[in-house]
């Protein structure tokens, strides 16, 4: 996995600037996160595997991420996948991730 970042150390999950990683063929850019590295990697790995199959079906990718995180990290997770949207999220501490893969933005969070 190639990692490039600026103004952030690799182990620091609260980044002020975007961090890029390559998983498979797609570039994954972490926009904002306070999630542990293992949880981040799980989300990005699922998204990169699903990306080629879910080009037009954002709902399926969101559903897969939500269900995986609820089974692995307990309930109640929410996931938003889309190309152009805005939102304000009130998530549990250490349970928020916003990243881009290809042309999709994904927000994954656990509600307080």
Protein backbone atom coordinates (compact mmCIF):
# COMPACT_ATOMS: atom_id res chain seq x y z
CA UNK A 1 0.00 0.00 0.00
CA UNK A 2 1.39 3.39 -0.98
CA UNK A 3 0.77 6.20 1.45
CA UNK A 4 1.41 9.88 0.93
CA UNK A 5 0.46 12.60 3.34
CA UNK A 6 1.22 16.16 4.28
CA UNK A 7 0.92 17.82 7.68
CA UNK A 8 0.14 14.45 9.29
CA UNK A 9 1.98 11.41 10.51
CA UNK A 10 0.93 7.99 9.24
CA UNK A 11 -0.19 6.76 12.69
CA UNK A 12 -2.27 9.86 13.39
CA UNK A 13 -5.90 9.28 12.43
CA UNK A 14 -7.00 12.86 12.99
CA UNK A 15 -5.50 14.45 9.91
CA UNK A 16 -5.68 18.09 8.94
CA UNK A 17 -4.99 17.32 5.30
CA UNK A 18 -6.06 14.50 3.03
CA UNK A 19 -4.10 11.25 3.04
CA UNK A 20 -4.03 9.07 -0.06
CA UNK A 21 -3.75 5.29 -0.20
CA UNK A 22 -3.95 2.92 -3.11
CA UNK A 23 -6.04 -0.19 -2.60
CA UNK A 24 -6.42 -2.21 -5.75
CA UNK A 25 -6.68 0.08 -8.76
CA UNK A 26 -8.47 2.94 -7.05
CA UNK A 27 -6.96 5.84 -5.14
CA UNK A 28 -8.56 6.24 -1.72
CA UNK A 29 -8.32 9.69 -0.11
CA UNK A 30 -9.14 10.14 3.56
CA UNK A 31 -10.82 13.53 3.87
CA UNK A 32 -11.50 13.49 7.61
CA UNK A 33 -11.33 10.81 10.27
CA UNK A 34 -11.07 10.18 13.98
CA UNK A 35 -11.32 6.40 13.54
CA UNK A 36 -8.63 3.87 14.47
CA UNK A 37 -6.36 2.83 11.61
CA UNK A 38 -7.69 -0.76 11.60
CA UNK A 39 -11.28 0.42 11.26
CA UNK A 40 -10.27 2.86 8.50
CA UNK A 41 -8.49 0.12 6.60
CA UNK A 42 -11.51 -2.21 6.90
CA UNK A 43 -13.82 0.44 5.44
CA UNK A 44 -11.45 1.35 2.63
CA UNK A 45 -10.80 -2.29 1.77
CA UNK A 46 -14.54 -3.05 1.51
CA UNK A 47 -15.12 0.06 -0.61
CA UNK A 48 -12.22 -0.72 -2.96
CA UNK A 49 -13.44 -4.30 -3.49
CA UNK A 50 -17.01 -3.13 -4.11
CA UNK A 51 -16.14 -0.09 -6.23
CA UNK A 52 -15.93 -1.82 -9.64
CA UNK A 53 -19.25 -3.63 -9.05
CA UNK A 54 -21.14 -0.67 -7.61
CA UNK A 55 -20.54 2.02 -10.23
CA UNK A 56 -24.19 3.02 -10.35
CA UNK A 57 -25.42 1.49 -7.10
CA UNK A 58 -24.37 3.60 -4.12
CA UNK A 59 -27.04 1.97 -1.96
CA UNK A 60 -25.40 -1.47 -2.21
CA UNK A 61 -21.98 -0.14 -1.17
CA UNK A 62 -23.49 1.78 1.76
CA UNK A 63 -25.45 -1.30 2.84
CA UNK A 64 -22.37 -3.54 2.72
CA UNK A 65 -20.28 -1.08 4.76
CA UNK A 66 -23.05 -0.60 7.33
CA UNK A 67 -23.71 -4.32 7.76
CA UNK A 68 -20.00 -5.19 8.00
CA UNK A 69 -19.35 -2.53 10.63
CA UNK A 70 -22.42 -3.48 12.64
CA UNK A 71 -21.35 -7.13 12.74
CA UNK A 72 -17.69 -6.36 13.47
CA UNK A 73 -17.92 -3.22 15.64
CA UNK A 74 -21.49 -3.46 17.02
CA UNK A 75 -24.51 -1.34 16.19
CA UNK A 76 -25.60 1.39 15.17
CA UNK A 77 -23.60 2.47 12.11
CA UNK A 78 -24.71 4.72 9.27
CA UNK A 79 -23.21 5.11 5.83
CA UNK A 80 -23.72 7.67 3.07
CA UNK A 81 -22.31 7.08 -0.42
CA UNK A 82 -22.66 9.57 -3.26
CA UNK A 83 -21.02 11.86 -5.76
CA UNK A 84 -22.23 15.27 -4.66
CA UNK A 85 -23.75 16.02 -1.27
CA UNK A 86 -23.24 17.98 1.91
CA UNK A 87 -24.01 17.10 5.50
CA UNK A 88 -23.21 17.73 9.14
CA UNK A 89 -22.73 14.60 11.24
CA UNK A 90 -22.84 14.23 15.01
CA UNK A 91 -20.97 10.94 15.49
CA UNK A 92 -19.51 9.07 18.43
CA UNK A 93 -15.92 9.93 19.25
CA UNK A 94 -13.45 7.69 17.32
CA UNK A 95 -16.25 6.45 15.04
CA UNK A 96 -16.25 8.82 12.04
CA UNK A 97 -14.65 8.45 8.60
CA UNK A 98 -15.09 10.48 5.43
CA UNK A 99 -13.15 9.34 2.36
CA UNK A 100 -13.21 9.33 -1.44
CA UNK A 101 -12.69 6.39 -3.73
CA UNK A 102 -12.76 7.14 -7.43
CA UNK A 103 -15.68 9.52 -7.98
CA UNK A 104 -17.57 8.53 -4.79
CA UNK A 105 -17.49 10.12 -1.37
CA UNK A 106 -18.25 7.85 1.58
CA UNK A 107 -19.15 8.87 5.10
CA UNK A 108 -19.25 6.10 7.69
CA UNK A 109 -20.12 6.87 11.30
CA UNK A 110 -21.60 5.51 14.47
CA UNK A 111 -24.43 7.57 15.89
CA UNK A 112 -24.20 8.82 19.48
